[in-house]
Amino acid sequence: MKRVAAVDCGTNSIRLLVADLDPATGELKDLDRRMRIVRLGQGVDRTGRLAPEALERTFAACREYAGVIRELGAEAVRFVATSASRDAENRDDFVRGVLDILGVEPEVITGDQEAEFSFTGATKELTGRVAAGAERLPVEGGGGRREGMEQPYLVVDIGGGSTEFVLGEDTVDAARSVDVGCVRMTERHLVRDGELVADPPGEEQVGAMKADIARALDLAAETVPLDRARTLVGLAGSVTTVAAIALGLREYDSAAIHHSRIPLAKVREITHRLLSATHEERAAIPSMHPGRVDVIAAGALVLLSIMERTGAEEVVVSEHDILDGIAYKTALDAEEADKKSQNGS
């Protein structure tokens, strides 16, 4: 077994996975998986800089994660940073802080690298032996159990600052990262001077978001043939939160959400509900994480727009995503390094 730790630091959240890789099966066994909402991308779209308070929230989570990694004895650690830190002028402050706390330098990866990790994490277990979460907690009009998903897959990772589109079968055929995400859309269209301009948003704000998302989808389609997809796989907090609402969960349940199938009609209904709700009404949804209350309506709208554009009748929701892809690649690299060391000795 090779024990590794992977950290995924995005625009809205920072997540940790400590896992063992079984060399015989190539499967990851989770030892600890956790997430903190730190909103690292706070204001980046407007200022181009990481805010001091956002950095401190992120570093506090890193200190927590460092303790978990030490306790579990991970042999290799990889820290990957995505959209917010790519965009920030002062990302060196971020890099130095993470290095001091965790002892590893964060890799500020490209959108294409982000897409590759997301695809690996999301699709590795789909072919042939999927246990559909929707069968345990069915959604009206949803799929039911299936012994494999039709390829090619279109994996969409809706983050805080960007969305990755990845099309492929066993490997990636095409990928594109575009600058629409739940935090970026919220800050660009629904917030002024730190306050919501309308609660709930009006037709003007919603229309502006839809136009922005449509332009991003046009950009994605220049590289990724969206109409080729046979299975749409949705990743990240906006998608899993919509799934939790669709499943009627009283609290967030990762096992129930993983591989659930949410029909287009249900996504449309939930998106309209979220866009029509006040902050208090969204916060009162039982499965809603407090850190997603302000940004979930924009995230759901991104998901709905993608489904309508691609003609997807449902989205397969995956709890395994970029974080799993990072952990898997880290474990494989560590195994390869061990083999080279043994051969050279």
Protein backbone atom coordinates (compact mmCIF):
# COMPACT_ATOMS: atom_id res chain seq x y z
CA MET A 1 0.00 0.00 0.00
CA LYS A 2 1.15 3.51 -0.78
CA ARG A 3 -0.31 6.19 1.51
CA VAL A 4 -0.65 9.65 0.00
CA ALA A 5 -2.24 12.99 0.78
CA ALA A 6 -3.81 15.23 -1.85
CA VAL A 7 -4.97 18.80 -1.33
CA ASP A 8 -7.17 20.61 -3.83
CA CYS A 9 -7.37 24.36 -3.23
CA GLY A 10 -9.95 26.10 -5.39
CA THR A 11 -11.70 29.44 -5.49
CA ASN A 12 -14.32 28.55 -2.87
CA SER A 13 -13.09 25.51 -0.94
CA ILE A 14 -9.98 23.62 0.09
CA ARG A 15 -10.19 19.84 0.39
CA LEU A 16 -7.99 17.06 1.72
CA LEU A 17 -7.88 13.37 0.84
CA VAL A 18 -5.56 10.92 2.57
CA ALA A 19 -5.78 7.52 0.91
CA ASP A 20 -4.01 4.21 0.36
CA LEU A 21 -3.38 2.90 -3.14
CA ASP A 22 -3.79 -0.86 -3.48
CA PRO A 23 -1.09 -1.82 -6.02
CA ALA A 24 -2.89 -5.05 -6.90
CA THR A 25 -6.17 -3.39 -7.93
CA GLY A 26 -5.17 0.23 -8.53
CA GLU A 27 -7.99 1.32 -6.20
CA LEU A 28 -7.81 4.13 -3.66
CA LYS A 29 -9.04 3.51 -0.13
CA ASP A 30 -10.07 6.69 1.69
CA LEU A 31 -8.65 7.24 5.16
CA ASP A 32 -9.69 10.86 5.61
CA ARG A 33 -11.64 13.16 3.31
CA ARG A 34 -12.65 16.65 4.41
CA MET A 35 -13.52 20.08 3.07
CA ARG A 36 -13.46 23.64 4.35
CA ILE A 37 -15.05 26.66 2.69
CA VAL A 38 -12.37 29.37 2.71
CA ARG A 39 -13.40 31.53 -0.28
CA LEU A 40 -9.78 32.05 -1.40
CA GLY A 41 -11.09 33.73 -4.55
CA GLN A 42 -12.89 36.48 -2.62
CA GLY A 43 -12.68 39.60 -4.79
CA VAL A 44 -10.05 38.21 -7.19
CA ASP A 45 -12.21 38.80 -10.27
CA ARG A 46 -12.47 42.50 -9.30
CA THR A 47 -9.06 43.24 -7.72
CA GLY A 48 -6.75 40.67 -9.27
CA ARG A 49 -5.35 39.93 -5.79
CA LEU A 50 -5.90 37.42 -2.99
CA ALA A 51 -7.40 39.23 0.01
CA PRO A 52 -5.45 39.01 3.31
CA GLU A 53 -8.46 37.58 5.16
CA ALA A 54 -8.96 34.96 2.42
CA LEU A 55 -5.33 33.91 2.70
CA GLU A 56 -5.60 33.59 6.48
CA ARG A 57 -8.73 31.43 6.21
CA THR A 58 -6.88 29.20 3.75
CA PHE A 59 -3.76 28.97 5.92
CA ALA A 60 -5.90 28.03 8.94
CA ALA A 61 -7.31 25.10 6.95
CA CYS A 62 -3.78 24.15 5.86
CA ARG A 63 -2.67 24.01 9.51
CA GLU A 64 -5.57 21.67 10.26
CA TYR A 65 -4.71 19.48 7.28
CA ALA A 66 -1.02 19.37 8.23
CA GLY A 67 -2.01 17.79 11.55
CA VAL A 68 -4.14 15.14 9.82
CA ILE A 69 -1.37 14.32 7.33
CA ARG A 70 1.18 13.90 10.14
CA GLU A 71 -1.17 11.77 12.21
CA LEU A 72 -1.96 9.39 9.35
CA GLY A 73 1.63 9.23 8.13
CA ALA A 74 1.21 10.00 4.43
CA GLU A 75 4.36 9.14 2.49
CA ALA A 76 3.79 11.68 -0.28
CA VAL A 77 1.88 14.97 -0.29
CA ARG A 78 0.69 16.95 -3.30
CA PHE A 79 -0.99 20.34 -3.11
CA VAL A 80 -2.75 21.58 -6.23
CA ALA A 81 -4.17 25.09 -6.60
CA THR A 82 -6.58 26.11 -9.31
CA SER A 83 -8.46 29.12 -10.65
CA ALA A 84 -8.14 31.81 -7.95
CA SER A 85 -4.40 31.39 -7.48
CA ARG A 86 -3.84 31.31 -11.25
CA ASP A 87 -5.49 34.71 -11.55
CA ALA A 88 -3.92 36.49 -8.55
CA GLU A 89 -1.05 38.98 -8.77
CA ASN A 90 0.12 38.13 -5.25
CA ARG A 91 0.04 34.36 -5.58
CA ASP A 92 3.63 34.23 -4.26
CA ASP A 93 2.24 35.12 -0.81
CA PHE A 94 -0.02 32.10 -1.10
CA VAL A 95 2.80 29.82 -2.24
CA ARG A 96 5.10 30.86 0.62
CA GLY A 97 2.36 30.39 3.23
CA VAL A 98 1.48 26.87 2.06
CA LEU A 99 5.15 25.87 1.87
CA ASP A 100 5.76 27.06 5.44
CA ILE A 101 2.77 25.14 6.81
CA LEU A 102 2.73 21.91 4.80
CA GLY A 103 6.32 21.67 3.61
CA VAL A 104 5.30 21.31 -0.03
CA GLU A 105 5.03 23.96 -2.68
CA PRO A 106 1.57 24.30 -4.21
CA GLU A 107 1.35 23.55 -7.89
CA VAL A 108 -0.62 26.29 -9.58
CA ILE A 109 -1.86 24.12 -12.41
CA THR A 110 -3.24 25.10 -15.79
CA GLY A 111 -6.85 24.61 -16.77
CA ASP A 112 -5.83 21.68 -18.98
CA GLN A 113 -4.05 19.97 -16.08
CA GLU A 114 -7.09 20.58 -13.90
CA ALA A 115 -9.25 18.95 -16.56
CA GLU A 116 -7.02 15.87 -16.73
CA PHE A 117 -7.11 15.33 -12.97
CA SER A 118 -10.88 15.85 -12.87
CA PHE A 119 -11.49 13.36 -15.68
CA THR A 120 -9.33 10.69 -14.05
CA GLY A 121 -10.99 11.10 -10.67
CA ALA A 122 -14.53 11.15 -12.06
CA THR A 123 -14.41 8.34 -14.60
CA LYS A 124 -11.98 5.78 -13.22
CA GLU A 125 -14.76 3.73 -11.60
CA LEU A 126 -17.60 4.38 -14.06
CA THR A 127 -17.02 1.67 -16.63
CA GLY A 128 -18.57 -1.68 -15.83
CA ARG A 129 -19.21 -1.53 -12.08
CA VAL A 130 -21.16 1.50 -11.01
CA ALA A 131 -23.35 1.33 -7.94
CA ALA A 132 -25.78 4.15 -8.56
CA GLY A 133 -26.59 6.29 -5.54
CA ALA A 134 -29.90 7.15 -7.16
CA GLU A 135 -31.04 3.57 -6.66
CA ARG A 136 -30.76 3.99 -2.89
CA LEU A 137 -32.52 7.36 -2.92
CA PRO A 138 -34.34 7.55 -6.25
CA VAL A 139 -35.13 10.82 -7.97
CA GLU A 140 -38.36 10.89 -9.92
CA GLY A 141 -37.49 10.37 -13.57
CA GLY A 142 -33.94 9.34 -12.76
CA GLY A 143 -31.90 6.48 -14.07
CA GLY A 144 -31.69 3.37 -11.91
CA ARG A 145 -28.82 0.92 -11.73
CA ARG A 146 -26.60 0.48 -14.75
CA GLU A 147 -23.58 -1.78 -15.25
CA GLY A 148 -21.65 0.94 -17.02
CA MET A 149 -22.10 4.38 -18.49
CA GLU A 150 -22.15 5.08 -22.20
CA GLN A 151 -19.04 6.73 -23.57
CA PRO A 152 -17.78 9.25 -24.38
CA TYR A 153 -18.16 11.03 -21.06
CA LEU A 154 -18.40 14.78 -20.76
CA VAL A 155 -17.05 15.67 -17.33
CA VAL A 156 -17.92 19.16 -16.13
CA ASP A 157 -16.24 20.48 -12.99
CA ILE A 158 -18.12 23.60 -11.89
CA GLY A 159 -15.78 25.39 -9.53
CA GLY A 160 -15.82 28.76 -7.88
CA GLY A 161 -13.86 30.64 -10.53
CA SER A 162 -13.84 28.36 -13.55
CA THR A 163 -15.56 25.38 -15.14
CA GLU A 164 -13.66 22.58 -16.82
CA PHE A 165 -15.12 20.63 -19.73
CA VAL A 166 -13.45 17.30 -20.48
CA LEU A 167 -14.58 14.86 -23.15
CA GLY A 168 -13.15 11.39 -23.43
CA GLU A 169 -13.50 7.65 -23.11
CA ASP A 170 -10.62 5.89 -21.38
CA THR A 171 -8.46 8.97 -21.83
CA VAL A 172 -9.05 12.66 -22.49
CA ASP A 173 -9.92 13.56 -26.09
CA ALA A 174 -10.53 17.28 -25.60
CA ALA A 175 -10.58 19.72 -22.70
CA ARG A 176 -11.22 23.40 -22.06
CA SER A 177 -11.33 25.57 -18.96
CA VAL A 178 -13.50 28.70 -19.07
CA ASP A 179 -13.87 31.50 -16.53
CA VAL A 180 -17.35 30.90 -15.20
CA GLY A 181 -17.95 29.52 -11.73
CA CYS A 182 -20.32 30.01 -8.84
CA VAL A 183 -18.18 32.59 -7.02
CA ARG A 184 -17.11 34.49 -10.14
CA MET A 185 -20.70 34.74 -11.45
CA THR A 186 -22.01 35.80 -8.04
CA GLU A 187 -19.39 38.48 -7.52
CA ARG A 188 -19.61 39.73 -11.10
CA HIS A 189 -23.40 40.00 -11.34
CA LEU A 190 -25.04 39.73 -7.93
CA VAL A 191 -22.74 41.60 -5.55
CA ARG A 192 -21.76 45.26 -5.27
CA ASP A 193 -19.50 46.60 -2.52
CA GLY A 194 -19.70 43.28 -0.74
CA GLU A 195 -23.50 43.19 -0.62
CA LEU A 196 -26.09 41.37 -2.73
CA VAL A 197 -27.59 43.87 -5.19
CA ALA A 198 -30.93 42.07 -5.11
CA ASP A 199 -32.17 39.27 -2.91
CA PRO A 200 -33.43 37.31 -4.74
CA PRO A 201 -31.76 38.45 -8.00
CA GLY A 202 -33.93 40.19 -10.57
CA GLU A 203 -34.41 39.41 -14.24
CA GLU A 204 -31.59 41.78 -15.22
CA GLN A 205 -29.02 40.04 -13.01
CA VAL A 206 -30.13 36.55 -14.04
CA GLY A 207 -30.11 37.54 -17.70
CA ALA A 208 -26.57 38.90 -17.39
CA MET A 209 -25.39 35.65 -15.81
CA LYS A 210 -27.06 33.59 -18.53
CA ALA A 211 -25.36 35.68 -21.23
CA ASP A 212 -21.98 35.30 -19.54
CA ILE A 213 -22.42 31.54 -19.23
CA ALA A 214 -23.57 31.25 -22.85
CA ARG A 215 -20.42 33.03 -24.05
CA ALA A 216 -18.31 30.66 -21.97
CA LEU A 217 -20.09 27.65 -23.45
CA ASP A 218 -19.36 29.01 -26.93
CA LEU A 219 -15.66 29.15 -25.98
CA ALA A 220 -15.73 25.63 -24.57
CA ALA A 221 -17.41 24.32 -27.74
CA GLU A 222 -14.56 25.69 -29.85
CA THR A 223 -12.32 23.02 -28.32
CA VAL A 224 -14.66 20.37 -26.91
CA PRO A 225 -17.38 18.89 -29.17
CA LEU A 226 -20.10 19.07 -26.52
CA ASP A 227 -22.68 17.31 -28.68
CA ARG A 228 -20.59 14.10 -28.81
CA ALA A 229 -21.16 13.30 -25.14
CA ARG A 230 -23.27 10.28 -24.24
CA THR A 231 -23.00 10.66 -20.45
CA LEU A 232 -22.76 13.97 -18.60
CA VAL A 233 -20.82 13.68 -15.33
CA GLY A 234 -21.05 16.63 -12.93
CA LEU A 235 -18.47 17.43 -10.26
CA ALA A 236 -17.90 19.81 -7.36
CA GLY A 237 -19.99 21.54 -4.73
CA SER A 238 -22.60 23.24 -6.89
CA VAL A 239 -23.52 19.95 -8.54
CA THR A 240 -23.47 17.86 -5.36
CA THR A 241 -25.57 20.46 -3.54
CA VAL A 242 -28.19 20.42 -6.30
CA ALA A 243 -28.16 16.63 -6.03
CA ALA A 244 -28.64 16.76 -2.26
CA ILE A 245 -31.67 19.02 -2.73
CA ALA A 246 -33.06 16.80 -5.49
CA LEU A 247 -32.71 13.72 -3.30
CA GLY A 248 -34.49 15.46 -0.43
CA LEU A 249 -31.66 14.80 2.01
CA ARG A 250 -32.09 16.11 5.54
CA GLU A 251 -28.32 16.44 5.77
CA TYR A 252 -25.47 16.09 3.32
CA ASP A 253 -24.82 12.40 2.58
CA SER A 254 -21.88 11.75 0.27
CA ALA A 255 -22.69 8.06 -0.21
CA ALA A 256 -26.26 8.82 -1.32
CA ILE A 257 -25.14 11.59 -3.66
CA HIS A 258 -22.31 9.68 -5.35
CA HIS A 259 -23.49 8.39 -8.75
CA SER A 260 -27.02 9.64 -8.28
CA ARG A 261 -28.72 10.68 -11.52
CA ILE A 262 -30.56 13.98 -11.52
CA PRO A 263 -32.93 14.60 -14.46
CA LEU A 264 -32.91 17.87 -16.40
CA ALA A 265 -36.42 18.73 -15.24
CA LYS A 266 -35.36 18.42 -11.60
CA VAL A 267 -32.26 20.57 -12.15
CA ARG A 268 -34.40 23.21 -13.84
CA GLU A 269 -36.91 23.18 -10.98
CA ILE A 270 -34.19 23.52 -8.32
CA THR A 271 -32.35 26.25 -10.22
CA HIS A 272 -35.53 28.33 -10.52
CA ARG A 273 -36.23 27.75 -6.84
CA LEU A 274 -32.75 28.91 -5.81
CA LEU A 275 -32.84 31.97 -8.08
CA SER A 276 -36.22 32.93 -6.61
CA ALA A 277 -35.19 32.41 -2.98
CA THR A 278 -33.83 34.89 -0.47
CA HIS A 279 -30.59 34.31 1.44
CA GLU A 280 -32.60 33.13 4.45
CA GLU A 281 -34.65 30.70 2.34
CA ARG A 282 -31.55 29.19 0.77
CA ALA A 283 -29.86 28.92 4.16
CA ALA A 284 -32.87 27.03 5.52
CA ILE A 285 -32.45 24.17 3.02
CA PRO A 286 -31.39 21.25 5.26
CA SER A 287 -28.50 19.98 3.14
CA MET A 288 -27.09 23.45 2.34
CA HIS A 289 -23.53 24.16 3.52
CA PRO A 290 -23.36 27.68 5.00
CA GLY A 291 -20.46 28.54 2.71
CA ARG A 292 -22.54 27.86 -0.40
CA VAL A 293 -25.64 29.89 0.47
CA ASP A 294 -24.59 32.99 -1.46
CA VAL A 295 -23.15 31.22 -4.51
CA ILE A 296 -25.36 28.15 -5.07
CA ALA A 297 -27.92 29.90 -7.29
CA ALA A 298 -25.20 30.91 -9.76
CA GLY A 299 -23.65 27.43 -9.62
CA ALA A 300 -26.99 25.76 -10.31
CA LEU A 301 -27.54 28.10 -13.26
CA VAL A 302 -24.18 27.07 -14.74
CA LEU A 303 -25.21 23.41 -14.44
CA LEU A 304 -28.63 24.00 -15.98
CA SER A 305 -27.11 25.98 -18.86
CA ILE A 306 -24.68 23.17 -19.61
CA MET A 307 -27.44 20.55 -19.61
CA GLU A 308 -29.64 22.62 -21.90
CA ARG A 309 -26.75 23.36 -24.26
CA THR A 310 -25.61 19.73 -24.51
CA GLY A 311 -29.10 18.22 -24.58
CA ALA A 312 -28.32 16.04 -21.55
CA GLU A 313 -31.44 14.43 -20.09
CA GLU A 314 -29.70 13.84 -16.78
CA VAL A 315 -26.45 14.48 -14.94
CA VAL A 316 -24.55 11.70 -13.20
CA VAL A 317 -23.22 13.23 -10.01
CA SER A 318 -19.77 12.19 -8.84
CA GLU A 319 -18.22 12.79 -5.43
CA HIS A 320 -14.95 11.61 -6.95
CA ASP A 321 -13.28 14.39 -8.86
CA ILE A 322 -10.06 16.34 -9.18
CA LEU A 323 -9.07 15.46 -5.60
CA ASP A 324 -9.22 11.73 -6.38
CA GLY A 325 -7.33 12.30 -9.63
CA ILE A 326 -4.57 14.12 -7.76
CA ALA A 327 -4.32 11.38 -5.12
CA TYR A 328 -4.28 8.62 -7.73
CA LYS A 329 -1.54 10.27 -9.79
CA THR A 330 0.49 11.04 -6.66
CA ALA A 331 0.29 7.40 -5.55
CA LEU A 332 1.29 6.10 -8.99
CA ASP A 333 4.23 8.52 -9.15
CA ALA A 334 5.36 7.44 -5.67
CA GLU A 335 5.13 3.76 -6.64
CA GLU A 336 7.16 4.43 -9.79
CA ALA A 337 9.80 6.32 -7.82
CA ASP A 338 10.09 3.38 -5.41
CA LYS A 339 10.56 0.92 -8.26
CA LYS A 340 13.29 3.06 -9.83
CA SER A 341 15.03 3.37 -6.48
CA GLN A 342 14.92 -0.39 -5.92
CA ASN A 343 16.19 -1.11 -9.43
CA GLY A 344 18.99 1.37 -9.03
CA SER A 345 20.17 -0.01 -5.71
